[in-house]
Protein backbone atom coordinates (compact mmCIF):
# COMPACT_ATOMS: atom_id res chain seq x y z
CA MET A 1 166.04 -11.10 -298.41
CA TRP A 2 167.95 -14.00 -296.86
CA TYR A 3 171.35 -13.41 -295.24
CA ASP A 4 173.86 -15.99 -294.05
CA TYR A 5 175.35 -15.75 -290.58
CA GLU A 6 178.79 -14.13 -290.64
CA PHE A 7 181.90 -14.15 -288.49
CA MET A 8 183.35 -11.08 -286.76
CA GLY A 9 186.47 -11.05 -284.58
CA VAL A 10 185.83 -10.03 -280.97
CA GLY A 11 188.78 -9.93 -278.57
CA SER A 12 190.52 -13.28 -278.82
CA GLY A 13 187.38 -14.97 -280.17
CA PHE A 14 184.64 -14.21 -282.64
CA ILE A 15 180.91 -13.70 -283.08
CA HIS A 16 179.12 -15.96 -285.51
CA GLY A 17 175.61 -14.78 -286.08
CA PRO A 18 173.14 -12.51 -287.83
CA LEU A 19 175.41 -9.58 -288.70
CA VAL A 20 174.42 -6.83 -291.13
CA ASP A 21 176.18 -3.85 -292.64
CA PHE A 22 174.58 -0.46 -291.99
CA GLU A 23 175.55 3.20 -292.10
CA ILE A 24 175.39 5.87 -289.43
CA LEU A 25 174.32 9.20 -290.91
CA ALA A 26 175.78 11.97 -288.77
CA PRO A 27 175.25 15.65 -289.62
CA GLU A 28 177.99 17.14 -291.78
CA GLN A 29 179.86 13.81 -291.99
CA LYS A 30 180.21 11.15 -294.64
CA PRO A 31 178.10 8.05 -293.94
CA PHE A 32 179.97 5.79 -291.52
CA ALA A 33 179.85 2.11 -292.53
CA THR A 34 179.78 -0.43 -289.71
CA MET A 35 178.28 -3.79 -288.75
CA GLY A 36 175.72 -4.79 -286.17
CA LEU A 37 174.33 -7.97 -284.67
CA VAL A 38 170.58 -8.28 -285.29
CA ASP A 39 169.71 -9.13 -281.68
CA SER A 40 166.19 -10.23 -280.76
CA GLY A 41 167.33 -10.33 -277.12
CA ALA A 42 168.25 -6.63 -277.04
CA HIS A 43 165.44 -4.20 -276.32
CA THR A 44 167.38 -1.16 -277.59
CA SER A 45 170.30 -0.76 -279.93
CA LEU A 46 173.76 -0.49 -278.39
CA LEU A 47 176.56 1.15 -280.40
CA ASP A 48 180.29 1.60 -279.82
CA ILE A 49 181.10 4.99 -278.32
CA ALA A 50 184.33 5.04 -280.37
CA ILE A 51 182.13 5.57 -283.45
CA ALA A 52 180.42 8.55 -281.80
CA LYS A 53 183.83 10.07 -280.99
CA HIS A 54 185.00 9.54 -284.58
CA LEU A 55 181.85 11.26 -285.89
CA LYS A 56 182.13 14.04 -283.29
CA LEU A 57 178.65 13.32 -281.91
CA PRO A 58 178.01 15.00 -278.53
CA VAL A 59 177.06 11.71 -276.89
CA GLN A 60 179.05 11.87 -273.63
CA ARG A 61 177.10 14.63 -271.93
CA LYS A 62 175.86 14.27 -268.37
CA GLU A 63 172.22 14.71 -269.45
CA ASN A 64 172.57 11.71 -271.84
CA LEU A 65 173.84 9.32 -269.14
CA VAL A 66 171.33 6.55 -268.39
CA GLU A 67 171.41 3.33 -266.40
CA GLY A 68 172.33 0.27 -268.40
CA SER A 69 173.09 -3.38 -267.82
CA ALA A 70 175.00 -5.99 -269.76
CA ALA A 71 173.70 -9.46 -270.59
CA ASP A 72 175.37 -10.79 -267.43
CA GLY A 73 173.42 -8.29 -265.32
CA LYS A 74 176.40 -6.05 -264.52
CA SER A 75 175.83 -2.31 -264.56
CA ILE A 76 177.47 -0.44 -267.45
CA LYS A 77 177.79 3.24 -268.30
CA VAL A 78 175.66 4.07 -271.33
CA TYR A 79 174.64 7.28 -273.01
CA ARG A 80 171.30 7.70 -274.77
CA TYR A 81 171.66 9.62 -278.02
CA PRO A 82 169.51 9.07 -281.12
CA VAL A 83 171.17 8.79 -284.51
CA ARG A 84 169.96 8.37 -288.08
CA VAL A 85 171.01 5.20 -289.86
CA ARG A 86 170.57 3.53 -293.21
CA PHE A 87 170.03 -0.19 -293.65
CA SER A 88 169.22 -1.39 -297.15
CA SER A 89 167.14 1.42 -298.66
CA VAL A 90 165.56 2.50 -295.36
CA ILE A 91 166.71 5.57 -293.41
CA PHE A 92 165.42 5.81 -289.85
CA GLU A 93 166.35 6.87 -286.34
CA LEU A 94 167.85 4.51 -283.79
CA ASP A 95 167.18 5.54 -280.19
CA ALA A 96 170.70 4.29 -279.56
CA ARG A 97 172.57 3.63 -276.36
CA TRP A 98 176.32 4.19 -276.62
CA THR A 99 179.04 2.46 -274.59
CA ARG A 100 182.63 1.26 -274.92
CA LEU A 101 182.71 -1.80 -277.20
CA SER A 102 186.36 -1.49 -278.24
CA ASP A 103 189.64 -0.67 -276.56
CA PRO A 104 191.01 2.59 -278.01
CA LYS A 105 194.60 1.66 -277.11
CA THR A 106 194.73 -1.84 -278.58
CA LYS A 107 191.93 -1.46 -281.16
CA VAL A 108 190.58 -4.82 -279.92
CA VAL A 109 186.83 -5.16 -280.35
CA LEU A 110 185.24 -6.18 -277.04
CA GLY A 111 181.70 -6.60 -278.38
CA SER A 112 179.49 -5.93 -281.36
CA ASN A 113 177.06 -3.14 -282.14
CA LEU A 114 173.63 -4.54 -281.28
CA LEU A 115 170.51 -3.74 -283.29
CA GLY A 116 167.52 -4.12 -280.96
CA ARG A 117 163.78 -4.60 -281.06
CA ALA A 118 162.55 -1.14 -280.00
CA ASP A 119 164.17 0.76 -282.84
CA PHE A 120 165.68 -1.51 -285.53
CA PHE A 121 163.09 -4.30 -285.57
CA LYS A 122 160.07 -2.00 -285.90
CA HIS A 123 161.12 -1.13 -289.46
CA PHE A 124 161.50 -4.72 -290.68
CA LYS A 125 160.04 -8.20 -290.60
CA ILE A 126 162.78 -10.49 -289.32
CA MET A 127 162.92 -14.28 -289.21
CA PHE A 128 165.76 -16.43 -287.89
CA ASP A 129 166.62 -19.92 -289.19
CA GLN A 130 169.15 -20.95 -286.55
CA GLN A 131 169.48 -24.53 -287.81
CA ASN A 132 170.67 -23.35 -291.22
CA GLU A 133 172.50 -20.28 -289.87
CA ARG A 134 170.50 -17.83 -291.94
CA PHE A 135 168.12 -14.97 -291.28
CA TRP A 136 165.60 -13.08 -293.37
CA ILE A 137 164.86 -9.35 -293.33
CA LYS A 138 162.08 -7.61 -295.23
CA ILE A 139 161.17 -3.93 -295.13
CA ASN A 140 157.88 -3.34 -293.30
CA PRO A 141 155.37 -1.55 -295.48
CA LYS A 142 154.38 1.90 -294.25
CA LYS A 143 151.48 1.76 -291.80
CA LYS A 144 148.25 3.30 -293.01
CA PRO A 145 147.09 6.31 -290.93
């Protein structure tokens, strides 16, 4: 299915790119609807820790702390904690990394959830048409054993 690039406010600017709606499926919680940037440059998915706090996920434990780096190469604090998600009709696990992408005091979004290659992309065939600001996502058929 083809999707058009969308706009999302970030800080005093915005992101214009391949954004999709998806749901985080936490135990004993209603599905949490959010958006993510389909990011071919991200190896793993990066989600806003404010969502984890809202869903009462035990993400911020010492044993979940891993080394992470931002696109500019700066070190950032991230927590590794897998979570089940639903995109389209597919439910699967993201081996997500969680960090602060919004300011809890001002509610300003500092960045976007990123859907990366290692966990999101393996479930779909994805093609980008940058010139026309569109992208295409198709569910990968189940692999034969």
